[in-house]
C-alpha cells in the first residue's frame, strides 16, 4: 500500500473515532435528559392525583344553594310549629 493511502485511512479512522465519541456523549446526555423527564412525569402524576383528590373533597364540601334553601325552609317550619306549642 502507498503511504498516502495509509495516511488517508488513519485520518478516516481518527475522524470515525471522534464521531463515535461525540455520538456516545450525545447519547449519554439524552439518556440523562430522559431520566430527568421520567422523574418529572412521575412527580406530575403524583401531583395530579393529589389535586384530583383535593378537587373531590372540594366538590363534596361545596355549598348546595338548593339544599341550603330546603334546610332553611324546614327549620322555619319547625320553628313555627314550636312557637305554636
C-alpha atoms as a PDB file:
ATOM      1  CA  UNK A   1       0.000   0.000   0.000  1.00  0.00           C
ATOM      2  CA  UNK A   2       1.033   3.505  -0.586  1.00  0.00           C
ATOM      3  CA  UNK A   3       1.960   5.758   2.294  1.00  0.00           C
ATOM      4  CA  UNK A   4      -0.679   8.283   1.170  1.00  0.00           C
ATOM      5  CA  UNK A   5      -3.388   5.638   1.359  1.00  0.00           C
ATOM      6  CA  UNK A   6      -2.320   4.637   4.883  1.00  0.00           C
ATOM      7  CA  UNK A   7      -2.346   8.289   5.950  1.00  0.00           C
ATOM      8  CA  UNK A   8      -5.832   8.703   4.480  1.00  0.00           C
ATOM      9  CA  UNK A   9      -7.046   5.592   6.280  1.00  0.00           C
ATOM     10  CA  UNK A  10      -5.549   6.787   9.543  1.00  0.00           C
ATOM     11  CA  UNK A  11      -7.293  10.174   9.172  1.00  0.00           C
ATOM     12  CA  UNK A  12     -10.576   8.430   8.439  1.00  0.00           C
ATOM     13  CA  UNK A  13     -10.176   6.178  11.484  1.00  0.00           C
ATOM     14  CA  UNK A  14      -9.412   9.210  13.667  1.00  0.00           C
ATOM     15  CA  UNK A  15     -12.493  11.034  12.305  1.00  0.00           C
ATOM     16  CA  UNK A  16     -14.640   7.962  12.925  1.00  0.00           C
ATOM     17  CA  UNK A  17     -13.355   7.648  16.495  1.00  0.00           C
ATOM     18  CA  UNK A  18     -14.086  11.338  17.127  1.00  0.00           C
ATOM     19  CA  UNK A  19     -17.566  10.953  15.658  1.00  0.00           C
ATOM     20  CA  UNK A  20     -18.144   7.836  17.758  1.00  0.00           C
ATOM     21  CA  UNK A  21     -17.089   9.704  20.917  1.00  0.00           C
ATOM     22  CA  UNK A  22     -19.365  12.612  20.000  1.00  0.00           C
ATOM     23  CA  UNK A  23     -22.351  10.330  19.356  1.00  0.00           C
ATOM     24  CA  UNK A  24     -21.703   8.453  22.611  1.00  0.00           C
ATOM     25  CA  UNK A  25     -21.603  11.719  24.580  1.00  0.00           C
ATOM     26  CA  UNK A  26     -24.817  12.875  22.926  1.00  0.00           C
ATOM     27  CA  UNK A  27     -26.466   9.538  23.726  1.00  0.00           C
ATOM     28  CA  UNK A  28     -25.410   9.830  27.380  1.00  0.00           C
ATOM     29  CA  UNK A  29     -26.784  13.384  27.584  1.00  0.00           C
ATOM     30  CA  UNK A  30     -30.069  12.267  26.043  1.00  0.00           C
ATOM     31  CA  UNK A  31     -30.289   9.324  28.456  1.00  0.00           C
ATOM     32  CA  UNK A  32     -29.821  11.728  31.382  1.00  0.00           C
ATOM     33  CA  UNK A  33     -32.483  14.040  29.966  1.00  0.00           C
ATOM     34  CA  UNK A  34     -34.907  11.134  29.513  1.00  0.00           C
ATOM     35  CA  UNK A  35     -34.264  10.084  33.116  1.00  0.00           C
ATOM     36  CA  UNK A  36     -34.947  13.614  34.408  1.00  0.00           C
ATOM     37  CA  UNK A  37     -38.112  13.878  32.306  1.00  0.00           C
ATOM     38  CA  UNK A  38     -39.368  10.500  33.532  1.00  0.00           C
ATOM     39  CA  UNK A  39     -38.854  11.647  37.126  1.00  0.00           C
ATOM     40  CA  UNK A  40     -40.688  14.894  36.351  1.00  0.00           C
ATOM     41  CA  UNK A  41     -43.575  12.963  34.754  1.00  0.00           C
ATOM     42  CA  UNK A  42     -43.846  10.740  37.848  1.00  0.00           C
ATOM     43  CA  UNK A  43     -43.859  13.820  40.084  1.00  0.00           C
ATOM     44  CA  UNK A  44     -46.534  15.494  37.951  1.00  0.00           C
ATOM     45  CA  UNK A  45     -48.657  12.332  38.009  1.00  0.00           C
ATOM     46  CA  UNK A  46     -48.495  12.276  41.803  1.00  0.00           C
ATOM     47  CA  UNK A  47     -49.372  15.961  41.970  1.00  0.00           C
ATOM     48  CA  UNK A  48     -52.251  15.395  39.545  1.00  0.00           C
ATOM     49  CA  UNK A  49     -53.546  12.522  41.693  1.00  0.00           C
ATOM     50  CA  UNK A  50     -53.342  14.731  44.774  1.00  0.00           C
ATOM     51  CA  UNK A  51     -55.127  17.609  43.043  1.00  0.00           C
ATOM     52  CA  UNK A  52     -57.886  15.276  41.881  1.00  0.00           C
ATOM     53  CA  UNK A  53     -58.339  14.189  45.496  1.00  0.00           C
ATOM     54  CA  UNK A  54     -58.453  17.819  46.625  1.00  0.00           C
ATOM     55  CA  UNK A  55     -60.999  18.575  43.909  1.00  0.00           C
ATOM     56  CA  UNK A  56     -63.189  15.685  45.021  1.00  0.00           C
ATOM     57  CA  UNK A  57     -63.088  16.920  48.621  1.00  0.00           C
ATOM     58  CA  UNK A  58     -63.899  20.459  47.460  1.00  0.00           C
ATOM     59  CA  UNK A  59     -66.838  19.172  45.425  1.00  0.00           C
ATOM     60  CA  UNK A  60     -68.194  17.355  48.466  1.00  0.00           C
ATOM     61  CA  UNK A  61     -67.783  20.449  50.633  1.00  0.00           C
ATOM     62  CA  UNK A  62     -69.185  22.952  48.176  1.00  0.00           C
ATOM     63  CA  UNK A  63     -72.361  24.683  49.274  1.00  0.00           C
ATOM     64  CA  UNK A  64     -75.503  23.479  47.535  1.00  0.00           C
ATOM     65  CA  UNK A  65     -77.848  26.500  47.367  1.00  0.00           C
ATOM     66  CA  UNK A  66     -80.927  24.350  46.749  1.00  0.00           C
ATOM     67  CA  UNK A  67     -80.127  22.081  49.660  1.00  0.00           C
ATOM     68  CA  UNK A  68     -79.486  25.093  51.906  1.00  0.00           C
ATOM     69  CA  UNK A  69     -82.839  26.575  50.907  1.00  0.00           C
ATOM     70  CA  UNK A  70     -84.661  23.309  51.700  1.00  0.00           C
ATOM     71  CA  UNK A  71     -82.958  23.130  55.098  1.00  0.00           C
ATOM     72  CA  UNK A  72     -83.786  26.764  55.821  1.00  0.00           C
ATOM     73  CA  UNK A  73     -87.426  26.167  54.869  1.00  0.00           C
ATOM     74  CA  UNK A  74     -87.587  23.076  57.083  1.00  0.00           C
ATOM     75  CA  UNK A  75     -86.015  24.963  60.018  1.00  0.00           C
ATOM     76  CA  UNK A  76     -88.560  27.782  59.566  1.00  0.00           C
ATOM     77  CA  UNK A  77     -91.398  25.233  59.546  1.00  0.00           C
ATOM     78  CA  UNK A  78     -90.091  23.590  62.713  1.00  0.00           C
ATOM     79  CA  UNK A  79     -89.666  26.957  64.437  1.00  0.00           C
ATOM     80  CA  UNK A  80     -93.261  27.895  63.501  1.00  0.00           C
ATOM     81  CA  UNK A  81     -94.515  24.636  64.945  1.00  0.00           C
ATOM     82  CA  UNK A  82     -92.532  25.202  68.153  1.00  0.00           C
ATOM     83  CA  UNK A  83     -93.969  28.698  68.514  1.00  0.00           C
ATOM     84  CA  UNK A  84     -97.449  27.212  68.280  1.00  0.00           C
ATOM     85  CA  UNK A  85     -96.819  24.853  71.188  1.00  0.00           C
END
